[in-house]
C-alpha atoms as a PDB file:
ATOM      1  CA  MET A   1      87.313  73.573 118.806  1.00  0.00           C
ATOM      2  CA  SER A   2      87.745  70.110 119.077  1.00  0.00           C
ATOM      3  CA  ALA A   3      91.181  68.806 117.843  1.00  0.00           C
ATOM      4  CA  PRO A   4      91.248  67.318 113.991  1.00  0.00           C
ATOM      5  CA  ALA A   5      90.775  63.615 113.990  1.00  0.00           C
ATOM      6  CA  PRO A   6      94.285  61.966 113.468  1.00  0.00           C
ATOM      7  CA  LEU A   7      95.125  60.737 109.957  1.00  0.00           C
ATOM      8  CA  PRO A   8      94.657  56.955 109.402  1.00  0.00           C
ATOM      9  CA  TYR A   9      98.104  56.764 107.525  1.00  0.00           C
ATOM     10  CA  LYS A  10     100.402  59.599 107.068  1.00  0.00           C
ATOM     11  CA  LEU A  11     101.986  58.298 103.854  1.00  0.00           C
ATOM     12  CA  ILE A  12     100.043  56.835 100.576  1.00  0.00           C
ATOM     13  CA  ALA A  13     102.392  54.853  98.450  1.00  0.00           C
ATOM     14  CA  THR A  14     100.666  53.965  95.040  1.00  0.00           C
ATOM     15  CA  ASP A  15     102.251  52.020  92.198  1.00  0.00           C
ATOM     16  CA  LEU A  16     101.507  53.456  88.591  1.00  0.00           C
ATOM     17  CA  ASP A  17     100.726  51.046  86.059  1.00  0.00           C
ATOM     18  CA  GLY A  18      97.478  48.809  87.008  1.00  0.00           C
ATOM     19  CA  THR A  19      97.186  50.522  89.948  1.00  0.00           C
ATOM     20  CA  LEU A  20      96.931  54.505  89.543  1.00  0.00           C
ATOM     21  CA  LEU A  21      96.806  54.419  86.097  1.00  0.00           C
ATOM     22  CA  ARG A  22      94.228  53.298  83.861  1.00  0.00           C
ATOM     23  CA  HIS A  23      95.046  51.464  80.763  1.00  0.00           C
ATOM     24  CA  ASP A  24      95.330  54.680  78.572  1.00  0.00           C
ATOM     25  CA  GLU A  25      97.706  55.898  81.306  1.00  0.00           C
ATOM     26  CA  THR A  26      95.330  58.540  82.633  1.00  0.00           C
ATOM     27  CA  ILE A  27      94.173  59.073  86.115  1.00  0.00           C
ATOM     28  CA  SER A  28      90.385  59.369  86.430  1.00  0.00           C
ATOM     29  CA  GLY A  29      88.866  62.442  88.184  1.00  0.00           C
ATOM     30  CA  ARG A  30      87.816  60.599  91.152  1.00  0.00           C
ATOM     31  CA  THR A  31      91.121  59.197  91.898  1.00  0.00           C
ATOM     32  CA  ARG A  32      92.761  62.629  91.496  1.00  0.00           C
ATOM     33  CA  GLN A  33      89.685  64.334  93.886  1.00  0.00           C
ATOM     34  CA  ALA A  34      90.716  61.431  96.310  1.00  0.00           C
ATOM     35  CA  LEU A  35      94.265  62.118  96.384  1.00  0.00           C
ATOM     36  CA  ALA A  36      93.878  65.788  96.771  1.00  0.00           C
ATOM     37  CA  ALA A  37      91.614  65.374  99.409  1.00  0.00           C
ATOM     38  CA  ALA A  38      93.782  63.040 101.321  1.00  0.00           C
ATOM     39  CA  THR A  39      96.642  65.329 100.902  1.00  0.00           C
ATOM     40  CA  ALA A  40      94.845  68.598 101.983  1.00  0.00           C
ATOM     41  CA  ALA A  41      93.886  66.679 105.369  1.00  0.00           C
ATOM     42  CA  GLY A  42      97.878  66.223 105.674  1.00  0.00           C
ATOM     43  CA  ALA A  43      98.736  62.904 104.337  1.00  0.00           C
ATOM     44  CA  ALA A  44     101.916  62.857 101.691  1.00  0.00           C
ATOM     45  CA  HIS A  45     101.462  60.825  98.452  1.00  0.00           C
ATOM     46  CA  ILE A  46     104.533  59.002  97.250  1.00  0.00           C
ATOM     47  CA  VAL A  47     104.187  57.431  93.648  1.00  0.00           C
ATOM     48  CA  VAL A  48     106.349  54.238  93.720  1.00  0.00           C
ATOM     49  CA  THR A  49     106.961  52.560  90.213  1.00  0.00           C
ATOM     50  CA  GLY A  50     109.221  50.213  88.344  1.00  0.00           C
ATOM     51  CA  ARG A  51     109.414  52.407  85.486  1.00  0.00           C
ATOM     52  CA  ALA A  52     112.749  54.756  85.557  1.00  0.00           C
ATOM     53  CA  VAL A  53     112.796  58.191  85.474  1.00  0.00           C
ATOM     54  CA  PRO A  54     112.625  58.876  81.969  1.00  0.00           C
ATOM     55  CA  TRP A  55     109.545  56.594  81.713  1.00  0.00           C
ATOM     56  CA  THR A  56     107.883  58.301  84.554  1.00  0.00           C
ATOM     57  CA  ARG A  57     108.336  61.920  84.335  1.00  0.00           C
ATOM     58  CA  HIS A  58     106.030  62.980  81.811  1.00  0.00           C
ATOM     59  CA  ILE A  59     103.100  61.394  83.688  1.00  0.00           C
ATOM     60  CA  LEU A  60     104.209  63.099  86.767  1.00  0.00           C
ATOM     61  CA  ASP A  61     104.590  66.279  84.876  1.00  0.00           C
ATOM     62  CA  ALA A  62     101.253  65.639  83.684  1.00  0.00           C
ATOM     63  CA  LEU A  63      99.713  65.316  87.034  1.00  0.00           C
ATOM     64  CA  ASP A  64     101.468  68.478  88.222  1.00  0.00           C
ATOM     65  CA  TYR A  65     103.094  65.941  90.688  1.00  0.00           C
ATOM     66  CA  LYS A  66     105.644  68.249  92.809  1.00  0.00           C
ATOM     67  CA  GLY A  67     106.517  65.438  95.599  1.00  0.00           C
ATOM     68  CA  LEU A  68     109.199  62.704  95.748  1.00  0.00           C
ATOM     69  CA  ALA A  69     108.597  59.516  93.321  1.00  0.00           C
ATOM     70  CA  VAL A  70     110.247  56.256  93.810  1.00  0.00           C
ATOM     71  CA  CYS A  71     111.367  54.926  90.319  1.00  0.00           C
ATOM     72  CA  GLY A  72     113.083  52.024  88.824  1.00  0.00           C
ATOM     73  CA  GLN A  73     112.022  49.571  90.966  1.00  0.00           C
ATOM     74  CA  GLY A  74     113.157  51.477  93.914  1.00  0.00           C
ATOM     75  CA  GLY A  75     116.865  52.138  92.868  1.00  0.00           C
ATOM     76  CA  GLN A  76     116.108  55.919  92.145  1.00  0.00           C
ATOM     77  CA  VAL A  77     114.307  58.760  94.211  1.00  0.00           C
ATOM     78  CA  TYR A  78     113.157  61.409  92.167  1.00  0.00           C
ATOM     79  CA  HIS A  79     111.872  65.154  93.070  1.00  0.00           C
ATOM     80  CA  ALA A  80     109.476  65.639  90.687  1.00  0.00           C
ATOM     81  CA  GLY A  81     108.916  69.411  91.621  1.00  0.00           C
ATOM     82  CA  GLU A  82     112.704  70.080  91.154  1.00  0.00           C
ATOM     83  CA  HIS A  83     113.277  67.617  88.156  1.00  0.00           C
ATOM     84  CA  ARG A  84     116.157  66.133  90.101  1.00  0.00           C
ATOM     85  CA  LEU A  85     117.761  62.647  90.957  1.00  0.00           C
ATOM     86  CA  LEU A  86     118.055  62.186  94.603  1.00  0.00           C
ATOM     87  CA  THR A  87     119.544  58.756  94.781  1.00  0.00           C
ATOM     88  CA  SER A  88     120.385  56.408  92.081  1.00  0.00           C
ATOM     89  CA  VAL A  89     121.558  52.730  92.215  1.00  0.00           C
ATOM     90  CA  THR A  90     122.802  50.855  89.415  1.00  0.00           C
ATOM     91  CA  LEU A  91     123.579  47.106  88.419  1.00  0.00           C
ATOM     92  CA  ASP A  92     126.736  45.643  88.771  1.00  0.00           C
ATOM     93  CA  ARG A  93     127.072  44.774  84.944  1.00  0.00           C
ATOM     94  CA  GLN A  94     129.816  42.289  85.489  1.00  0.00           C
ATOM     95  CA  LEU A  95     127.357  40.097  87.865  1.00  0.00           C
ATOM     96  CA  ALA A  96     124.644  41.023  85.575  1.00  0.00           C
ATOM     97  CA  GLY A  97     126.391  39.553  82.527  1.00  0.00           C
ATOM     98  CA  LEU A  98     127.396  36.415  84.330  1.00  0.00           C
ATOM     99  CA  ALA A  99     123.635  35.921  85.444  1.00  0.00           C
ATOM    100  CA  LEU A 100     122.247  36.265  82.129  1.00  0.00           C
ATOM    101  CA  SER A 101     124.772  33.650  81.053  1.00  0.00           C
ATOM    102  CA  LYS A 102     123.614  31.222  83.870  1.00  0.00           C
ATOM    103  CA  ILE A 103     120.084  32.098  82.799  1.00  0.00           C
ATOM    104  CA  GLU A 104     120.665  31.209  79.068  1.00  0.00           C
ATOM    105  CA  ALA A 105     122.424  28.195  79.784  1.00  0.00           C
ATOM    106  CA  GLU A 106     119.238  26.714  81.971  1.00  0.00           C
ATOM    107  CA  VAL A 107     116.507  28.116  79.690  1.00  0.00           C
ATOM    108  CA  GLY A 108     117.954  28.918  76.257  1.00  0.00           C
ATOM    109  CA  PRO A 109     118.602  32.420  74.300  1.00  0.00           C
ATOM    110  CA  LEU A 110     116.516  35.413  75.821  1.00  0.00           C
ATOM    111  CA  PHE A 111     115.184  38.625  74.310  1.00  0.00           C
ATOM    112  CA  LEU A 112     116.905  41.512  75.811  1.00  0.00           C
ATOM    113  CA  ALA A 113     116.471  45.034  76.869  1.00  0.00           C
ATOM    114  CA  ALA A 114     118.025  47.618  79.407  1.00  0.00           C
ATOM    115  CA  SER A 115     117.335  50.794  81.267  1.00  0.00           C
ATOM    116  CA  ARG A 116     120.310  53.182  81.128  1.00  0.00           C
ATOM    117  CA  ASP A 117     121.134  55.069  84.321  1.00  0.00           C
ATOM    118  CA  GLY A 118     120.082  58.949  84.938  1.00  0.00           C
ATOM    119  CA  LEU A 119     117.515  61.509  84.092  1.00  0.00           C
ATOM    120  CA  GLU A 120     117.630  60.913  80.415  1.00  0.00           C
ATOM    121  CA  GLY A 121     118.795  57.520  80.546  1.00  0.00           C
ATOM    122  CA  ASP A 122     117.735  55.619  77.428  1.00  0.00           C
ATOM    123  CA  VAL A 123     115.978  51.996  77.178  1.00  0.00           C
ATOM    124  CA  LEU A 124     117.590  49.876  74.648  1.00  0.00           C
ATOM    125  CA  VAL A 125     115.771  47.191  73.183  1.00  0.00           C
ATOM    126  CA  GLY A 126     117.454  44.133  71.315  1.00  0.00           C
ATOM    127  CA  PRO A 127     116.052  41.847  68.403  1.00  0.00           C
ATOM    128  CA  GLY A 128     113.140  39.787  69.305  1.00  0.00           C
ATOM    129  CA  TYR A 129     111.933  42.153  72.493  1.00  0.00           C
ATOM    130  CA  ARG A 130     108.475  42.743  72.366  1.00  0.00           C
ATOM    131  CA  VAL A 131     107.931  46.365  73.444  1.00  0.00           C
ATOM    132  CA  HIS A 132     104.640  47.593  75.032  1.00  0.00           C
ATOM    133  CA  GLU A 133     102.744  49.890  72.520  1.00  0.00           C
ATOM    134  CA  GLY A 134     102.509  53.573  73.688  1.00  0.00           C
ATOM    135  CA  PRO A 135     104.486  56.661  73.971  1.00  0.00           C
ATOM    136  CA  LEU A 136     107.539  55.397  75.831  1.00  0.00           C
ATOM    137  CA  PRO A 137     110.919  56.072  74.010  1.00  0.00           C
ATOM    138  CA  ASN A 138     113.384  53.604  73.497  1.00  0.00           C
ATOM    139  CA  VAL A 139     116.496  52.789  71.300  1.00  0.00           C
ATOM    140  CA  MET A 140     117.117  49.779  69.097  1.00  0.00           C
ATOM    141  CA  MET A 141     120.027  47.837  70.072  1.00  0.00           C
ATOM    142  CA  ASP A 142     121.770  45.809  67.188  1.00  0.00           C
ATOM    143  CA  ASP A 143     125.245  45.207  68.878  1.00  0.00           C
ATOM    144  CA  PRO A 144     124.778  43.279  72.002  1.00  0.00           C
ATOM    145  CA  GLY A 145     127.691  44.830  73.294  1.00  0.00           C
ATOM    146  CA  GLU A 146     125.979  48.056  73.621  1.00  0.00           C
ATOM    147  CA  LEU A 147     123.989  46.623  76.457  1.00  0.00           C
ATOM    148  CA  TRP A 148     126.907  47.018  78.776  1.00  0.00           C
ATOM    149  CA  ALA A 149     128.415  50.360  77.447  1.00  0.00           C
ATOM    150  CA  ALA A 150     127.042  52.534  80.212  1.00  0.00           C
ATOM    151  CA  PRO A 151     125.477  52.201  83.766  1.00  0.00           C
ATOM    152  CA  LEU A 152     122.384  50.705  83.822  1.00  0.00           C
ATOM    153  CA  ASN A 153     119.427  50.393  86.392  1.00  0.00           C
ATOM    154  CA  LYS A 154     117.900  47.054  85.315  1.00  0.00           C
ATOM    155  CA  VAL A 155     118.193  44.464  82.643  1.00  0.00           C
ATOM    156  CA  TYR A 156     114.734  43.208  81.033  1.00  0.00           C
ATOM    157  CA  LEU A 157     114.375  39.319  80.037  1.00  0.00           C
ATOM    158  CA  GLN A 158     111.789  37.753  77.663  1.00  0.00           C
ATOM    159  CA  HIS A 159     111.463  34.458  76.621  1.00  0.00           C
ATOM    160  CA  PRO A 160     110.160  32.969  73.280  1.00  0.00           C
ATOM    161  CA  THR A 161     107.779  30.339  74.937  1.00  0.00           C
ATOM    162  CA  LEU A 162     108.174  30.529  78.944  1.00  0.00           C
ATOM    163  CA  ASP A 163     105.708  32.728  80.599  1.00  0.00           C
ATOM    164  CA  ASP A 164     106.858  35.674  83.073  1.00  0.00           C
ATOM    165  CA  ASP A 165     106.451  33.714  86.369  1.00  0.00           C
ATOM    166  CA  ALA A 166     108.029  30.472  85.031  1.00  0.00           C
ATOM    167  CA  LEU A 167     110.953  32.457  83.358  1.00  0.00           C
ATOM    168  CA  ALA A 168     111.504  34.523  86.910  1.00  0.00           C
ATOM    169  CA  LEU A 169     111.481  31.385  88.852  1.00  0.00           C
ATOM    170  CA  ALA A 170     114.003  29.883  86.566  1.00  0.00           C
ATOM    171  CA  ALA A 171     116.215  33.037  86.736  1.00  0.00           C
ATOM    172  CA  ARG A 172     115.867  32.839  90.496  1.00  0.00           C
ATOM    173  CA  GLN A 173     116.816  29.599  90.892  1.00  0.00           C
ATOM    174  CA  VAL A 174     120.301  29.831  88.948  1.00  0.00           C
ATOM    175  CA  ALA A 175     121.107  33.359  89.457  1.00  0.00           C
ATOM    176  CA  GLY A 176     119.460  34.718  92.689  1.00  0.00           C
ATOM    177  CA  ASP A 177     122.647  34.794  94.249  1.00  0.00           C
ATOM    178  CA  LEU A 178     123.867  37.280  91.941  1.00  0.00           C
ATOM    179  CA  VAL A 179     120.866  39.473  91.028  1.00  0.00           C
ATOM    180  CA  GLY A 180     117.413  40.290  92.195  1.00  0.00           C
ATOM    181  CA  VAL A 181     114.664  39.180  89.673  1.00  0.00           C
ATOM    182  CA  THR A 182     111.123  40.560  89.681  1.00  0.00           C
ATOM    183  CA  VAL A 183     107.741  40.586  87.651  1.00  0.00           C
ATOM    184  CA  ALA A 184     106.726  43.959  87.249  1.00  0.00           C
ATOM    185  CA  GLY A 185     104.182  43.642  84.639  1.00  0.00           C
ATOM    186  CA  LYS A 186     102.948  41.253  81.598  1.00  0.00           C
ATOM    187  CA  GLY A 187     106.077  40.531  79.315  1.00  0.00           C
ATOM    188  CA  ILE A 188     108.228  42.334  81.920  1.00  0.00           C
ATOM    189  CA  VAL A 189     110.894  40.535  84.048  1.00  0.00           C
ATOM    190  CA  GLU A 190     113.546  42.145  85.279  1.00  0.00           C
ATOM    191  CA  LEU A 191     117.068  41.792  86.778  1.00  0.00           C
ATOM    192  CA  LEU A 192     118.031  44.277  89.362  1.00  0.00           C
ATOM    193  CA  PRO A 193     120.772  44.870  91.935  1.00  0.00           C
ATOM    194  CA  LEU A 194     120.770  42.074  94.781  1.00  0.00           C
ATOM    195  CA  GLY A 195     118.259  43.296  97.508  1.00  0.00           C
ATOM    196  CA  LEU A 196     116.894  46.065  95.596  1.00  0.00           C
ATOM    197  CA  THR A 197     113.149  46.471  95.808  1.00  0.00           C
ATOM    198  CA  LYS A 198     110.452  49.033  95.888  1.00  0.00           C
ATOM    199  CA  ALA A 199     110.753  48.957  99.913  1.00  0.00           C
ATOM    200  CA  THR A 200     114.189  50.093  99.742  1.00  0.00           C
ATOM    201  CA  GLY A 201     113.407  53.400  97.634  1.00  0.00           C
ATOM    202  CA  LEU A 202     110.193  53.855  99.643  1.00  0.00           C
ATOM    203  CA  SER A 203     111.916  53.742 102.778  1.00  0.00           C
ATOM    204  CA  LEU A 204     114.518  56.390 101.925  1.00  0.00           C
ATOM    205  CA  ALA A 205     111.911  58.538 100.564  1.00  0.00           C
ATOM    206  CA  ALA A 206     109.755  58.305 103.656  1.00  0.00           C
ATOM    207  CA  ARG A 207     112.656  58.788 106.095  1.00  0.00           C
ATOM    208  CA  ARG A 208     113.208  62.270 104.095  1.00  0.00           C
ATOM    209  CA  LEU A 209     109.529  63.122 104.967  1.00  0.00           C
ATOM    210  CA  GLY A 210     109.749  61.881 108.351  1.00  0.00           C
ATOM    211  CA  ILE A 211     107.295  59.287 108.145  1.00  0.00           C
ATOM    212  CA  THR A 212     107.610  55.465 109.029  1.00  0.00           C
ATOM    213  CA  ALA A 213     106.555  52.331 107.786  1.00  0.00           C
ATOM    214  CA  LYS A 214     103.685  51.839 110.269  1.00  0.00           C
ATOM    215  CA  GLU A 215     102.198  55.322 108.974  1.00  0.00           C
ATOM    216  CA  THR A 216     102.132  53.867 105.467  1.00  0.00           C
ATOM    217  CA  VAL A 217      99.215  52.624 103.475  1.00  0.00           C
ATOM    218  CA  ALA A 218     100.341  51.169  99.831  1.00  0.00           C
ATOM    219  CA  PHE A 219      98.456  50.252  96.990  1.00  0.00           C
ATOM    220  CA  GLY A 220      99.690  47.671  94.048  1.00  0.00           C
ATOM    221  CA  ASP A 221      98.910  45.082  91.425  1.00  0.00           C
ATOM    222  CA  MET A 222     101.957  43.044  90.717  1.00  0.00           C
ATOM    223  CA  PRO A 223     104.579  40.917  92.594  1.00  0.00           C
ATOM    224  CA  ASN A 224     106.997  43.442  92.356  1.00  0.00           C
ATOM    225  CA  ASP A 225     105.096  45.154  94.851  1.00  0.00           C
ATOM    226  CA  ILE A 226     105.232  42.716  97.475  1.00  0.00           C
ATOM    227  CA  PRO A 227     108.073  44.282  99.349  1.00  0.00           C
ATOM    228  CA  MET A 228     106.301  47.559  99.629  1.00  0.00           C
ATOM    229  CA  PHE A 229     103.558  45.492 101.128  1.00  0.00           C
ATOM    230  CA  ALA A 230     105.824  43.917 103.401  1.00  0.00           C
ATOM    231  CA  TRP A 231     107.154  47.040 104.663  1.00  0.00           C
ATOM    232  CA  ALA A 232     103.913  49.215 104.971  1.00  0.00           C
ATOM    233  CA  ALA A 233     101.425  48.892 107.535  1.00  0.00           C
ATOM    234  CA  HIS A 234      98.422  48.121 105.204  1.00  0.00           C
ATOM    235  CA  GLY A 235      98.920  46.873 101.659  1.00  0.00           C
ATOM    236  CA  VAL A 236      95.689  47.119  99.277  1.00  0.00           C
ATOM    237  CA  ALA A 237      95.816  45.140  95.996  1.00  0.00           C
ATOM    238  CA  MET A 238      93.675  45.941  93.265  1.00  0.00           C
ATOM    239  CA  ALA A 239      91.129  43.742  91.807  1.00  0.00           C
ATOM    240  CA  ASN A 240      93.427  43.034  88.703  1.00  0.00           C
ATOM    241  CA  ALA A 241      96.195  42.083  90.863  1.00  0.00           C
ATOM    242  CA  HIS A 242      98.573  39.129  90.099  1.00  0.00           C
ATOM    243  CA  ASP A 243      97.535  36.428  92.452  1.00  0.00           C
ATOM    244  CA  GLU A 244     100.973  36.382  94.395  1.00  0.00           C
ATOM    245  CA  LEU A 245     100.346  40.146  95.472  1.00  0.00           C
ATOM    246  CA  LYS A 246      96.601  39.301  96.587  1.00  0.00           C
ATOM    247  CA  ALA A 247      98.053  36.430  98.884  1.00  0.00           C
ATOM    248  CA  VAL A 248      99.946  38.958 100.947  1.00  0.00           C
ATOM    249  CA  ALA A 249      97.506  41.977 100.659  1.00  0.00           C
ATOM    250  CA  ASN A 250      95.501  43.393 103.836  1.00  0.00           C
ATOM    251  CA  GLU A 251      92.844  44.328 101.542  1.00  0.00           C
ATOM    252  CA  LEU A 252      91.364  43.885  98.020  1.00  0.00           C
ATOM    253  CA  THR A 253      89.903  46.638  96.267  1.00  0.00           C
ATOM    254  CA  ALA A 254      88.397  47.402  92.754  1.00  0.00           C
ATOM    255  CA  SER A 255      90.188  47.490  89.635  1.00  0.00           C
ATOM    256  CA  ASN A 256      92.521  50.432  88.569  1.00  0.00           C
ATOM    257  CA  GLU A 257      89.666  50.823  85.803  1.00  0.00           C
ATOM    258  CA  ALA A 258      87.148  51.210  88.363  1.00  0.00           C
ATOM    259  CA  ASP A 259      88.980  53.675  90.865  1.00  0.00           C
ATOM    260  CA  GLY A 260      90.389  51.218  93.139  1.00  0.00           C
ATOM    261  CA  VAL A 261      92.440  53.603  94.699  1.00  0.00           C
ATOM    262  CA  ALA A 262      89.907  56.107  95.215  1.00  0.00           C
ATOM    263  CA  VAL A 263      87.587  53.654  96.973  1.00  0.00           C
ATOM    264  CA  VAL A 264      89.890  53.147  99.848  1.00  0.00           C
ATOM    265  CA  LEU A 265      91.114  56.586 100.231  1.00  0.00           C
ATOM    266  CA  GLU A 266      87.648  57.991 100.179  1.00  0.00           C
ATOM    267  CA  ARG A 267      86.667  55.438 103.082  1.00  0.00           C
ATOM    268  CA  LEU A 268      89.951  56.206 105.187  1.00  0.00           C
ATOM    269  CA  TYR A 269      89.962  59.925 104.846  1.00  0.00           C
ATOM    270  CA  GLY A 270      86.319  60.529 104.930  1.00  0.00           C
ATOM    271  CA  VAL A 271      86.163  62.083 101.296  1.00  0.00           C
END
């Protein structure tokens, strides 16, 4: 018997929202089958999402996903099969407070939310902050002091008039030496620990599996996926992706609603 053909990539890294998930937070049968076939052939699959663990766990459980997941924009490595947080990086609250002061001095008052650290960390939502409709739990915050009362993964920003890209640019210009700033989705501008990206967490998770960047294909749709594309050997942007990500992608595929991940996996793994 001839030896099996080598895998095109040993690791498949996929974002969730706008990439693996459709708008109704489900994954199509075709995409499930393509992932199952690729993993049966020997590839590993790692979910890499901006969502913190409490907002990711229910999706992974519904998928019967047992592997590693990179959550919280790279700050958390989570073992889905064991429901265990392996690593977690928190935001320096003093630096974040200083960054917020500088940003508000530049652009005016902001609407705020924050994600607390841990497996059961609450998402706190302040007055005026627009929460996306859906099943994700959050806690309304009346006292601004609550924002800083416990360790945080990230702080979310919204502005009454500036769009996401303009807000992120302004934040980077005045506070980029204190915190990381990324756009993770529509209405989702985030302050993160300085230097933290999806690539940070993905590299840690891949190392646990003994897999390198040059053996990785990554799928995404938003600017927060740019560092992951820079780390991986091959970056695939969805048709619905932000223009900044499309500009650095190695390949464009169909949208998340049209099985874009499956389209590429079927070609790569012959399924």
